[in-house]
Amino acid sequence: MVEGYLAQKGIALTPSHRVENVATVLSLVASLRGVALMPAYVEALLPWSVVSRPLKGEALTIDLAVGYRADNSSPVLKTFLAGLDQLIAAGPAGTRQAR
């Protein structure tokens, strides 16, 4: 996702590290004085030595999928899936009609 975003902006970088989790990203940025693109929620987890800045323009998004066993009869799962159905019916974020 990050590489696609940078390519759209015409930025060509060769990363020195590739990581799959936020804890590793934070550690590398804090210890190596590096730079990383991270989800906005990570801002609350930043150590005092790391500064964040929001990106300008349209927010990046990723597709998500839900996995569960088809034979799972849990009421919690049913409630969760019903909530997802409501989100899907509402449409993409930012396109909901004002009430």
C-alpha atoms as a PDB file:
ATOM      1  CA  MET A   1       0.000   0.000   0.000  1.00  0.00           C
ATOM      2  CA  VAL A   2       2.763   2.434   0.907  1.00  0.00           C
ATOM      3  CA  GLU A   3       4.724   1.724  -2.262  1.00  0.00           C
ATOM      4  CA  GLY A   4       1.585   2.259  -4.363  1.00  0.00           C
ATOM      5  CA  TYR A   5       0.894   5.552  -2.609  1.00  0.00           C
ATOM      6  CA  LEU A   6       4.438   6.782  -3.192  1.00  0.00           C
ATOM      7  CA  ALA A   7       4.322   5.716  -6.843  1.00  0.00           C
ATOM      8  CA  GLN A   8       1.065   7.678  -7.327  1.00  0.00           C
ATOM      9  CA  LYS A   9       2.827  10.742  -5.954  1.00  0.00           C
ATOM     10  CA  GLY A  10       5.819  10.215  -8.247  1.00  0.00           C
ATOM     11  CA  ILE A  11       8.157   9.338  -5.386  1.00  0.00           C
ATOM     12  CA  ALA A  12      10.697   6.569  -5.938  1.00  0.00           C
ATOM     13  CA  LEU A  13      12.279   5.227  -2.761  1.00  0.00           C
ATOM     14  CA  THR A  14      14.259   2.123  -1.958  1.00  0.00           C
ATOM     15  CA  PRO A  15      13.354   1.111   1.591  1.00  0.00           C
ATOM     16  CA  SER A  16      16.167  -0.080   3.828  1.00  0.00           C
ATOM     17  CA  HIS A  17      13.724  -2.160   5.907  1.00  0.00           C
ATOM     18  CA  ARG A  18      10.356  -3.779   5.317  1.00  0.00           C
ATOM     19  CA  VAL A  19       8.232  -4.578   8.339  1.00  0.00           C
ATOM     20  CA  GLU A  20       4.849  -6.128   8.982  1.00  0.00           C
ATOM     21  CA  ASN A  21       3.909  -4.758  12.399  1.00  0.00           C
ATOM     22  CA  VAL A  22       3.633  -1.413  14.125  1.00  0.00           C
ATOM     23  CA  ALA A  23       5.909  -2.268  17.048  1.00  0.00           C
ATOM     24  CA  THR A  24       8.816  -2.960  14.706  1.00  0.00           C
ATOM     25  CA  VAL A  25       8.150   0.227  12.752  1.00  0.00           C
ATOM     26  CA  LEU A  26       8.163   2.311  15.922  1.00  0.00           C
ATOM     27  CA  SER A  27      11.349   0.679  17.122  1.00  0.00           C
ATOM     28  CA  LEU A  28      13.151   1.276  13.833  1.00  0.00           C
ATOM     29  CA  VAL A  29      12.015   4.880  13.559  1.00  0.00           C
ATOM     30  CA  ALA A  30      12.968   5.646  17.162  1.00  0.00           C
ATOM     31  CA  SER A  31      16.328   3.873  17.121  1.00  0.00           C
ATOM     32  CA  LEU A  32      17.518   4.537  13.570  1.00  0.00           C
ATOM     33  CA  ARG A  33      15.985   7.977  13.140  1.00  0.00           C
ATOM     34  CA  GLY A  34      14.142   6.654  10.132  1.00  0.00           C
ATOM     35  CA  VAL A  35      10.889   7.666   8.469  1.00  0.00           C
ATOM     36  CA  ALA A  36       7.762   5.552   8.019  1.00  0.00           C
ATOM     37  CA  LEU A  37       4.201   5.891   6.769  1.00  0.00           C
ATOM     38  CA  MET A  38       1.913   4.475   9.445  1.00  0.00           C
ATOM     39  CA  PRO A  39      -1.816   4.320  10.178  1.00  0.00           C
ATOM     40  CA  ALA A  40      -3.151   7.352  12.073  1.00  0.00           C
ATOM     41  CA  TYR A  41      -4.043   5.278  15.144  1.00  0.00           C
ATOM     42  CA  VAL A  42      -0.325   4.701  15.774  1.00  0.00           C
ATOM     43  CA  GLU A  43       0.063   8.337  16.800  1.00  0.00           C
ATOM     44  CA  ALA A  44      -1.217   7.469  20.287  1.00  0.00           C
ATOM     45  CA  LEU A  45       1.553   4.852  20.629  1.00  0.00           C
ATOM     46  CA  LEU A  46       4.504   7.029  19.626  1.00  0.00           C
ATOM     47  CA  PRO A  47       7.369   7.424  22.079  1.00  0.00           C
ATOM     48  CA  TRP A  48       8.331  10.962  23.113  1.00  0.00           C
ATOM     49  CA  SER A  49      11.245  10.968  20.646  1.00  0.00           C
ATOM     50  CA  VAL A  50       9.077  10.368  17.548  1.00  0.00           C
ATOM     51  CA  VAL A  51       7.018  13.101  15.887  1.00  0.00           C
ATOM     52  CA  SER A  52       4.120  12.496  13.505  1.00  0.00           C
ATOM     53  CA  ARG A  53       2.559  14.583  10.767  1.00  0.00           C
ATOM     54  CA  PRO A  54      -0.663  13.816   8.871  1.00  0.00           C
ATOM     55  CA  LEU A  55      -0.497  13.445   5.112  1.00  0.00           C
ATOM     56  CA  LYS A  56      -2.344  15.999   3.012  1.00  0.00           C
ATOM     57  CA  GLY A  57      -4.985  14.927   0.536  1.00  0.00           C
ATOM     58  CA  GLU A  58      -7.217  11.904   0.348  1.00  0.00           C
ATOM     59  CA  ALA A  59      -6.739   9.325   3.083  1.00  0.00           C
ATOM     60  CA  LEU A  60      -5.277   5.971   2.167  1.00  0.00           C
ATOM     61  CA  THR A  61      -7.599   2.995   2.505  1.00  0.00           C
ATOM     62  CA  ILE A  62      -7.196  -0.763   2.505  1.00  0.00           C
ATOM     63  CA  ASP A  63      -9.646  -3.539   1.790  1.00  0.00           C
ATOM     64  CA  LEU A  64     -10.504  -5.806   4.695  1.00  0.00           C
ATOM     65  CA  ALA A  65     -11.967  -9.291   4.785  1.00  0.00           C
ATOM     66  CA  VAL A  66     -13.678 -11.216   7.570  1.00  0.00           C
ATOM     67  CA  GLY A  67     -12.967 -14.891   8.079  1.00  0.00           C
ATOM     68  CA  TYR A  68     -15.116 -17.214  10.163  1.00  0.00           C
ATOM     69  CA  ARG A  69     -16.287 -20.794  10.141  1.00  0.00           C
ATOM     70  CA  ALA A  70     -19.559 -21.272   8.267  1.00  0.00           C
ATOM     71  CA  ASP A  71     -20.841 -23.591  11.012  1.00  0.00           C
ATOM     72  CA  ASN A  72     -20.187 -21.069  13.816  1.00  0.00           C
ATOM     73  CA  SER A  73     -23.561 -20.406  15.452  1.00  0.00           C
ATOM     74  CA  SER A  74     -22.260 -17.888  17.998  1.00  0.00           C
ATOM     75  CA  PRO A  75     -24.692 -15.054  18.787  1.00  0.00           C
ATOM     76  CA  VAL A  76     -21.690 -12.717  18.978  1.00  0.00           C
ATOM     77  CA  LEU A  77     -20.729 -13.618  15.404  1.00  0.00           C
ATOM     78  CA  LYS A  78     -24.310 -13.062  14.223  1.00  0.00           C
ATOM     79  CA  THR A  79     -24.361  -9.606  15.854  1.00  0.00           C
ATOM     80  CA  PHE A  80     -20.964  -8.770  14.367  1.00  0.00           C
ATOM     81  CA  LEU A  81     -22.041  -9.820  10.861  1.00  0.00           C
ATOM     82  CA  ALA A  82     -25.273  -7.827  11.183  1.00  0.00           C
ATOM     83  CA  GLY A  83     -23.195  -4.761  12.063  1.00  0.00           C
ATOM     84  CA  LEU A  84     -21.039  -5.357   8.994  1.00  0.00           C
ATOM     85  CA  ASP A  85     -24.149  -5.597   6.840  1.00  0.00           C
ATOM     86  CA  GLN A  86     -25.223  -2.181   8.155  1.00  0.00           C
ATOM     87  CA  LEU A  87     -21.822  -0.692   7.332  1.00  0.00           C
ATOM     88  CA  ILE A  88     -21.917  -2.137   3.828  1.00  0.00           C
ATOM     89  CA  ALA A  89     -25.437  -0.790   3.262  1.00  0.00           C
ATOM     90  CA  ALA A  90     -24.309   2.672   4.428  1.00  0.00           C
ATOM     91  CA  GLY A  91     -21.673   2.788   1.690  1.00  0.00           C
ATOM     92  CA  PRO A  92     -18.103   4.059   1.750  1.00  0.00           C
ATOM     93  CA  ALA A  93     -17.050   6.384   4.574  1.00  0.00           C
ATOM     94  CA  GLY A  94     -17.852   9.987   3.880  1.00  0.00           C
ATOM     95  CA  THR A  95     -20.719   9.219   1.494  1.00  0.00           C
ATOM     96  CA  ARG A  96     -23.472   8.728   4.064  1.00  0.00           C
ATOM     97  CA  GLN A  97     -26.423  11.050   3.856  1.00  0.00           C
ATOM     98  CA  ALA A  98     -26.901  13.606   6.629  1.00  0.00           C
ATOM     99  CA  ARG A  99     -29.840  12.847   8.915  1.00  0.00           C
END
